[in-house]
Amino acid sequence: MKYDYLIVGTGLFGAVFAHEMTKAGRKCLCIDKRGNIAGNIYTEELQGIQVHKYGAHIFHTSNKEVWEYINQFADFNHYVNSPVAVWKDELYNLPFNMNTFSKMWGIKTPAEAKEFIEKQKADCKVEEPKNLEEQALSLVGRDVYEKLVKGYTEKQWGRDCKELPAFIIKRLPVRFTYDNNYFNDRYQGIPIGGYTQIVEKLLAGIPVRLGIAYKEFLAENAGKKEQDTFDKVLYTGMIDEYFDYCLGELQYRSLRFEEEVVADCDNYQGNAVVNYTEREIPYTRIIEHKHFEFGQGKGTVITREYPANWEKGDEPYYPINDDRNNQLFARYLELAGREKNVLFGGRLGQYKYYDMDKVIEAALDMVKAQLDAK
């Protein structure tokens, strides 16, 4: 078969690109090393509950075009992300807002909260933050930092806050209103029936091969008497892996998920996401999936999320965009620019953290550039 595009990866970037290119009359073949489509937004029904298999995904955007685009493929509910945080025997609302400050200091008004924060910032005497700890103290003071930032951040990154660069938290959102909505975006929700259906619809009619990595596929194809051909490749895997790590390995943080069916409990924690901010507790959060779709019925499913060091062969989740890695990525980008007819897209191909709406925007931009170039 002759294809216009071989698309490596069936996550949101690859699926949107494949869908739009197919609509434009291009012939696409998609492959994925996983045994399922949809990448990290993959959801699977368990006990009648849509379980987010690779961590909680809440769709949010201020881009009306992107919101209307994704709503073609699923009906969205009105879920609002309002996580809570547990520190020792205390429970706080997130993001940091008047509910947080009222619980922490026993105050009622924004003026009182601002006075507490400003006094604590002044007491810390940080003028030029040299690390993440000093940066956080200069932004929110000691109480918020020690109870809600320090332990959680150290678990996420696997390092002491004093060893992390200040730029990781250029700002910390502080709201002086009684508002627990984590996102400021106009549009927010969860697809009723999960995310996998969206990718199924995006890839409808497009041939997809699962459980095969890019280089395995190339080797298999090379051994065929009649080979498949592709004018171009869209590669959404790790850019350093594509080049056989010839310049060295980019660094990532990984995650481990511990899923549990709690058959004898209908409501485990009363909220979809509960963060655990003490470093001594090994997981960063517990997700109770039924609350994403306001689920009723017997039983529930929870997932404990454990940050992990990444080693070659592990699943990469978060790029570590420090100076060393950004400089290495720039060198890989130079190599990518010399590759004829190979496009690099998505979180791993472009070595950056993407929210879902930004993934869709970037994929649509790449489609437009490809069609305009014809």
Protein backbone atom coordinates (compact mmCIF):
# COMPACT_ATOMS: atom_id res chain seq x y z
CA MET A 1 0.00 0.00 0.00
CA LYS A 2 1.05 3.56 -0.65
CA TYR A 3 0.31 6.04 2.11
CA ASP A 4 0.78 9.77 2.35
CA TYR A 5 1.56 9.60 6.09
CA LEU A 6 2.77 7.05 8.58
CA ILE A 7 1.67 8.35 11.97
CA VAL A 8 3.62 6.99 14.92
CA GLY A 9 1.49 7.24 18.06
CA THR A 10 -2.29 7.30 18.46
CA GLY A 11 -2.45 9.84 21.26
CA LEU A 12 -4.40 13.05 20.83
CA PHE A 13 -1.80 14.74 18.60
CA GLY A 14 -1.45 11.82 16.19
CA ALA A 15 -5.19 11.11 16.13
CA VAL A 16 -6.19 14.71 15.36
CA PHE A 17 -3.53 14.92 12.64
CA ALA A 18 -4.65 11.62 11.09
CA HIS A 19 -8.32 12.63 11.20
CA GLU A 20 -7.81 15.99 9.55
CA MET A 21 -5.42 14.67 6.92
CA THR A 22 -7.85 11.90 6.04
CA LYS A 23 -10.63 14.47 5.71
CA ALA A 24 -8.37 16.37 3.31
CA GLY A 25 -8.01 13.28 1.13
CA ARG A 26 -4.64 12.03 2.39
CA LYS A 27 -4.12 8.32 3.07
CA CYS A 28 -2.79 7.59 6.57
CA LEU A 29 -1.61 4.56 8.53
CA CYS A 30 -1.28 4.78 12.32
CA ILE A 31 0.86 2.59 14.56
CA ASP A 32 1.34 2.53 18.32
CA LYS A 33 3.68 0.56 20.56
CA ARG A 34 0.98 0.27 23.22
CA GLY A 35 -1.82 -2.25 22.95
CA ASN A 36 -4.42 0.51 23.00
CA ILE A 37 -5.15 3.75 21.20
CA ALA A 38 -5.49 7.18 22.83
CA GLY A 39 -2.09 7.48 24.52
CA ASN A 40 -2.23 8.89 28.04
CA ILE A 41 -5.88 9.96 27.76
CA TYR A 42 -6.93 6.31 27.43
CA THR A 43 -9.92 5.45 29.61
CA GLU A 44 -11.33 2.01 30.28
CA GLU A 45 -14.64 0.99 31.81
CA LEU A 46 -14.37 -0.90 35.09
CA GLN A 47 -17.30 -1.57 37.43
CA GLY A 48 -19.35 0.72 35.18
CA ILE A 49 -16.85 3.55 35.83
CA GLN A 50 -14.61 5.23 33.26
CA VAL A 51 -11.13 4.81 34.72
CA HIS A 52 -8.37 7.23 33.64
CA LYS A 53 -5.62 4.63 33.22
CA TYR A 54 -2.72 7.10 32.96
CA GLY A 55 -3.71 9.75 35.47
CA ALA A 56 -6.50 12.26 35.79
CA HIS A 57 -7.31 14.23 32.63
CA ILE A 58 -9.65 17.22 32.90
CA PHE A 59 -10.29 19.03 29.65
CA HIS A 60 -10.12 22.81 29.97
CA THR A 61 -9.57 25.61 27.49
CA SER A 62 -10.31 29.25 26.76
CA ASN A 63 -10.16 28.59 23.02
CA LYS A 64 -13.74 28.38 21.75
CA GLU A 65 -12.66 26.77 18.46
CA VAL A 66 -10.85 23.97 20.29
CA TRP A 67 -13.82 23.47 22.62
CA GLU A 68 -16.20 23.18 19.68
CA TYR A 69 -13.75 20.88 17.90
CA ILE A 70 -13.50 18.35 20.76
CA ASN A 71 -17.26 18.47 21.34
CA GLN A 72 -17.78 16.97 17.88
CA PHE A 73 -16.59 13.65 19.27
CA ALA A 74 -18.22 13.46 22.72
CA ASP A 75 -20.73 15.15 24.97
CA PHE A 76 -19.00 16.84 27.89
CA ASN A 77 -20.38 17.21 31.39
CA HIS A 78 -19.96 20.28 33.61
CA TYR A 79 -17.25 18.82 35.87
CA VAL A 80 -15.17 21.51 37.60
CA ASN A 81 -11.74 20.58 38.91
CA SER A 82 -11.66 21.34 42.64
CA PRO A 83 -8.98 19.17 44.26
CA VAL A 84 -8.30 19.10 47.97
CA ALA A 85 -5.01 18.56 49.78
CA VAL A 86 -4.28 16.53 52.91
CA TRP A 87 -1.37 17.51 55.16
CA LYS A 88 -1.10 15.40 58.32
CA ASP A 89 -4.64 15.56 59.81
CA GLU A 90 -5.54 18.82 58.06
CA LEU A 91 -7.48 19.21 54.80
CA TYR A 92 -7.26 22.24 52.51
CA ASN A 93 -8.90 23.43 49.31
CA LEU A 94 -6.88 23.95 46.14
CA PRO A 95 -5.93 26.17 44.41
CA PHE A 96 -4.76 28.46 47.23
CA ASN A 97 -7.81 30.62 47.92
CA MET A 98 -9.79 32.12 50.77
CA ASN A 99 -11.12 28.69 51.79
CA THR A 100 -7.48 27.56 52.13
CA PHE A 101 -6.42 30.63 54.11
CA SER A 102 -9.50 30.63 56.34
CA LYS A 103 -8.80 27.02 57.35
CA MET A 104 -5.08 27.63 57.78
CA TRP A 105 -5.18 30.86 59.82
CA GLY A 106 -8.74 31.22 61.09
CA ILE A 107 -9.35 34.42 59.13
CA LYS A 108 -12.29 35.59 57.01
CA THR A 109 -11.34 38.51 54.77
CA PRO A 110 -8.94 38.96 51.84
CA ALA A 111 -7.24 41.80 53.73
CA GLU A 112 -6.43 39.47 56.63
CA ALA A 113 -5.11 36.78 54.27
CA LYS A 114 -2.91 39.27 52.43
CA GLU A 115 -1.55 40.54 55.74
CA PHE A 116 -0.57 36.99 56.81
CA ILE A 117 1.12 36.24 53.50
CA GLU A 118 2.99 39.55 53.29
CA LYS A 119 4.24 39.22 56.87
CA GLN A 120 5.49 35.68 56.25
CA LYS A 121 7.15 36.71 53.01
CA ALA A 122 8.90 39.54 54.82
CA ASP A 123 10.01 37.21 57.64
CA CYS A 124 11.64 34.87 55.11
CA LYS A 125 13.89 37.70 53.87
CA VAL A 126 14.34 36.28 50.34
CA GLU A 127 15.42 38.94 47.86
CA GLU A 128 16.88 36.91 44.99
CA PRO A 129 15.60 33.29 45.08
CA LYS A 130 18.38 30.82 44.33
CA ASN A 131 16.28 27.65 44.42
CA LEU A 132 12.67 26.46 44.40
CA GLU A 133 12.29 26.69 48.17
CA GLU A 134 13.37 30.33 48.27
CA GLN A 135 11.17 31.10 45.27
CA ALA A 136 8.10 29.57 46.94
CA LEU A 137 8.78 31.34 50.24
CA SER A 138 9.07 34.65 48.40
CA LEU A 139 5.68 34.03 46.76
CA VAL A 140 3.45 32.56 49.49
CA GLY A 141 5.36 32.54 52.79
CA ARG A 142 6.25 29.65 55.08
CA ASP A 143 2.89 28.12 56.07
CA VAL A 144 1.53 27.54 52.57
CA TYR A 145 4.95 26.42 51.36
CA GLU A 146 5.61 23.89 54.11
CA LYS A 147 2.12 22.43 54.21
CA LEU A 148 1.05 22.45 50.57
CA VAL A 149 4.10 22.91 48.32
CA LYS A 150 7.26 21.40 49.81
CA GLY A 151 6.49 17.71 50.26
CA TYR A 152 4.35 17.38 47.14
CA THR A 153 6.97 19.05 44.96
CA GLU A 154 9.80 16.95 46.38
CA LYS A 155 7.85 13.78 45.63
CA GLN A 156 7.07 14.95 42.10
CA TRP A 157 10.68 15.73 41.26
CA GLY A 158 12.47 13.23 43.50
CA ARG A 159 14.71 15.95 44.91
CA ASP A 160 14.80 18.37 47.83
CA CYS A 161 13.30 21.78 47.03
CA LYS A 162 16.65 23.39 47.85
CA GLU A 163 18.15 21.36 44.97
CA LEU A 164 15.52 22.38 42.41
CA PRO A 165 15.86 25.52 40.27
CA ALA A 166 13.70 28.50 41.14
CA PHE A 167 12.22 28.82 37.64
CA ILE A 168 10.10 25.66 38.08
CA ILE A 169 7.58 27.79 39.98
CA LYS A 170 7.76 31.24 38.44
CA ARG A 171 4.46 31.91 40.14
CA LEU A 172 2.01 30.19 42.47
CA PRO A 173 -1.66 30.99 41.88
CA VAL A 174 -3.08 32.75 44.93
CA ARG A 175 -6.72 33.82 44.88
CA PHE A 176 -8.33 36.05 47.43
CA THR A 177 -11.83 34.76 46.70
CA TYR A 178 -13.78 31.77 48.01
CA ASP A 179 -13.46 29.91 44.72
CA ASN A 180 -12.23 26.31 44.49
CA ASN A 181 -12.26 26.09 40.67
CA TYR A 182 -8.68 25.10 39.83
CA PHE A 183 -8.73 26.38 36.24
CA ASN A 184 -9.54 29.87 35.03
CA ASP A 185 -10.52 28.64 31.56
CA ARG A 186 -14.00 29.40 30.27
CA TYR A 187 -14.66 25.84 29.08
CA GLN A 188 -14.15 22.78 31.27
CA GLY A 189 -15.50 19.27 31.58
CA ILE A 190 -15.09 15.52 31.21
CA PRO A 191 -16.37 13.56 28.19
CA ILE A 192 -19.38 11.48 29.23
CA GLY A 193 -18.29 7.91 28.58
CA GLY A 194 -14.55 8.62 28.72
CA TYR A 195 -11.81 9.82 26.40
CA THR A 196 -11.16 6.65 24.41
CA GLN A 197 -14.35 7.13 22.38
CA ILE A 198 -13.00 10.48 21.14
CA VAL A 199 -9.90 8.87 19.66
CA GLU A 200 -11.96 5.99 18.26
CA LYS A 201 -14.04 8.52 16.34
CA LEU A 202 -10.99 10.50 15.24
CA LEU A 203 -9.43 7.32 13.83
CA ALA A 204 -12.61 5.85 12.34
CA GLY A 205 -11.85 4.38 8.92
CA ILE A 206 -8.08 4.81 9.32
CA PRO A 207 -5.96 1.63 9.50
CA VAL A 208 -4.32 1.26 12.92
CA ARG A 209 -1.73 -1.27 14.11
CA LEU A 210 -1.20 -1.63 17.85
CA GLY A 211 1.55 -3.28 19.86
CA ILE A 212 4.35 -2.44 17.46
CA ALA A 213 7.11 0.15 17.91
CA TYR A 214 8.31 2.36 15.06
CA LYS A 215 11.61 0.60 14.42
CA GLU A 216 10.01 -2.83 14.70
CA PHE A 217 7.48 -1.73 12.12
CA LEU A 218 10.21 -0.46 9.77
CA ALA A 219 12.14 -3.73 10.07
CA GLU A 220 9.02 -5.78 9.44
CA ASN A 221 8.07 -3.66 6.45
CA ALA A 222 11.58 -3.89 5.00
CA GLY A 223 11.27 -7.68 5.06
CA LYS A 224 8.06 -7.76 3.06
CA LYS A 225 8.08 -8.70 -0.60
CA GLU A 226 5.75 -5.80 -1.35
CA GLN A 227 6.57 -2.99 1.05
CA ASP A 228 4.24 -0.27 2.22
CA THR A 229 5.46 3.21 1.28
CA PHE A 230 4.99 6.57 2.97
CA ASP A 231 5.62 10.04 1.64
CA LYS A 232 6.03 11.41 5.18
CA VAL A 233 6.22 10.30 8.80
CA LEU A 234 4.68 12.04 11.81
CA TYR A 235 6.63 10.83 14.84
CA THR A 236 5.09 11.53 18.26
CA GLY A 237 7.44 9.35 20.29
CA MET A 238 10.57 10.43 22.16
CA ILE A 239 12.75 12.53 19.88
CA ASP A 240 15.98 11.24 21.45
CA GLU A 241 14.85 7.64 20.96
CA TYR A 242 14.19 8.35 17.27
CA PHE A 243 17.87 9.30 16.94
CA ASP A 244 19.02 6.29 19.01
CA TYR A 245 20.08 8.61 21.85
CA CYS A 246 23.11 9.59 19.77
CA LEU A 247 23.54 12.87 21.67
CA GLY A 248 22.56 11.44 25.05
CA GLU A 249 19.30 10.82 26.90
CA LEU A 250 16.78 13.55 27.63
CA GLN A 251 15.44 13.29 31.16
CA TYR A 252 11.87 12.67 32.26
CA ARG A 253 9.88 11.92 35.38
CA SER A 254 7.77 8.80 35.30
CA LEU A 255 4.68 7.65 37.19
CA ARG A 256 3.45 4.41 38.67
CA PHE A 257 -0.27 3.78 39.13
CA GLU A 258 -1.76 1.51 41.76
CA GLU A 259 -5.39 0.79 40.90
CA GLU A 260 -7.83 -0.66 43.41
CA VAL A 261 -11.47 -1.71 43.11
CA VAL A 262 -13.19 -0.94 46.42
CA ALA A 263 -16.28 -3.09 46.07
CA ASP A 264 -17.69 -2.49 49.55
CA CYS A 265 -17.50 1.33 49.41
CA ASP A 266 -19.66 3.61 47.31
CA ASN A 267 -17.73 6.82 48.03
CA TYR A 268 -14.11 6.48 49.11
CA GLN A 269 -12.98 10.12 49.50
CA GLY A 270 -15.82 12.40 48.38
CA ASN A 271 -13.78 14.07 45.64
CA ALA A 272 -12.22 13.07 42.33
CA VAL A 273 -8.71 14.21 43.29
CA VAL A 274 -7.15 14.37 46.75
CA ASN A 275 -3.48 15.40 46.99
CA TYR A 276 -1.22 14.17 49.78
CA THR A 277 1.39 16.82 50.43
CA GLU A 278 3.57 15.16 53.10
CA ARG A 279 6.77 13.74 51.67
CA GLU A 280 6.51 10.75 54.02
CA ILE A 281 3.41 9.50 52.14
CA PRO A 282 4.84 7.95 48.96
CA TYR A 283 1.98 8.77 46.58
CA THR A 284 1.12 12.30 45.51
CA ARG A 285 -2.60 11.83 45.08
CA ILE A 286 -5.55 9.46 45.06
CA ILE A 287 -7.98 9.64 42.18
CA GLU A 288 -11.55 8.38 42.65
CA HIS A 289 -12.73 8.02 39.08
CA LYS A 290 -16.51 7.85 39.53
CA HIS A 291 -16.61 11.50 40.67
CA PHE A 292 -15.45 12.71 37.24
CA GLU A 293 -18.87 11.74 35.91
CA PHE A 294 -20.82 12.23 39.15
CA GLY A 295 -21.17 8.45 39.38
CA GLN A 296 -23.71 6.69 41.51
CA GLY A 297 -24.09 2.98 42.19
CA LYS A 298 -22.27 0.43 44.28
CA GLY A 299 -18.52 0.22 44.57
CA THR A 300 -15.78 2.57 43.44
CA VAL A 301 -12.36 2.54 41.78
CA ILE A 302 -9.38 4.47 43.12
CA THR A 303 -5.86 4.99 41.80
CA ARG A 304 -2.85 5.98 43.87
CA GLU A 305 -0.29 7.90 41.83
CA TYR A 306 3.40 7.45 42.64
CA PRO A 307 6.09 9.63 41.02
CA ALA A 308 9.11 7.66 39.87
CA ASN A 309 12.57 8.13 38.44
CA TRP A 310 12.69 7.50 34.72
CA GLU A 311 15.12 5.10 33.13
CA LYS A 312 15.37 4.03 29.51
CA GLY A 313 12.48 1.67 28.79
CA ASP A 314 10.15 3.27 31.37
CA GLU A 315 7.12 5.29 30.35
CA PRO A 316 8.09 8.99 30.15
CA TYR A 317 5.46 11.39 31.50
CA TYR A 318 6.99 14.76 32.35
CA PRO A 319 9.91 16.33 30.47
CA ILE A 320 12.43 17.89 32.83
CA ASN A 321 12.84 21.23 31.09
CA ASP A 322 15.91 22.49 32.93
CA ASP A 323 18.85 24.17 31.21
CA ARG A 324 20.75 20.94 30.58
CA ASN A 325 17.79 19.17 28.95
CA ASN A 326 16.61 22.17 26.97
CA GLN A 327 20.09 22.58 25.49
CA LEU A 328 20.22 18.89 24.59
CA PHE A 329 16.75 19.06 23.06
CA ALA A 330 17.86 22.04 20.93
CA ARG A 331 20.63 19.86 19.51
CA TYR A 332 18.17 17.09 18.73
CA LEU A 333 15.94 19.69 17.09
CA GLU A 334 18.81 20.54 14.77
CA LEU A 335 19.03 16.87 13.76
CA ALA A 336 15.26 16.79 13.28
CA GLY A 337 15.51 19.74 10.89
CA ARG A 338 17.76 17.69 8.65
CA GLU A 339 15.36 14.76 8.46
CA LYS A 340 13.62 14.77 5.11
CA ASN A 341 9.87 14.21 5.30
CA VAL A 342 9.76 13.48 9.05
CA LEU A 343 7.61 15.62 11.36
CA PHE A 344 7.94 15.60 15.14
CA GLY A 345 4.89 16.38 17.24
CA GLY A 346 3.32 16.05 20.66
CA ARG A 347 4.67 16.00 24.19
CA LEU A 348 7.51 13.56 23.50
CA GLY A 349 8.36 14.60 19.96
CA GLN A 350 8.58 18.26 21.00
CA TYR A 351 9.83 17.64 24.57
CA LYS A 352 7.35 19.90 26.32
CA TYR A 353 4.40 19.54 28.65
CA TYR A 354 1.14 20.04 26.75
CA ASP A 355 -2.37 20.46 28.11
CA MET A 356 -4.91 18.69 25.91
CA ASP A 357 -6.27 21.85 24.31
CA LYS A 358 -2.75 22.91 23.35
CA VAL A 359 -2.13 19.45 21.82
CA ILE A 360 -5.17 19.94 19.58
CA GLU A 361 -4.09 23.47 18.64
CA ALA A 362 -0.58 22.30 17.75
CA ALA A 363 -1.86 19.33 15.71
CA LEU A 364 -4.28 21.53 13.76
CA ASP A 365 -1.49 24.05 13.12
CA MET A 366 0.71 21.26 11.74
CA VAL A 367 -2.14 20.06 9.51
CA LYS A 368 -2.61 23.55 8.13
CA ALA A 369 1.13 23.94 7.48
CA GLN A 370 1.21 20.62 5.66
CA LEU A 371 -1.81 21.41 3.50
CA ASP A 372 -0.56 24.93 2.74
CA ALA A 373 2.80 23.51 1.64
CA LYS A 374 1.21 21.30 -1.04
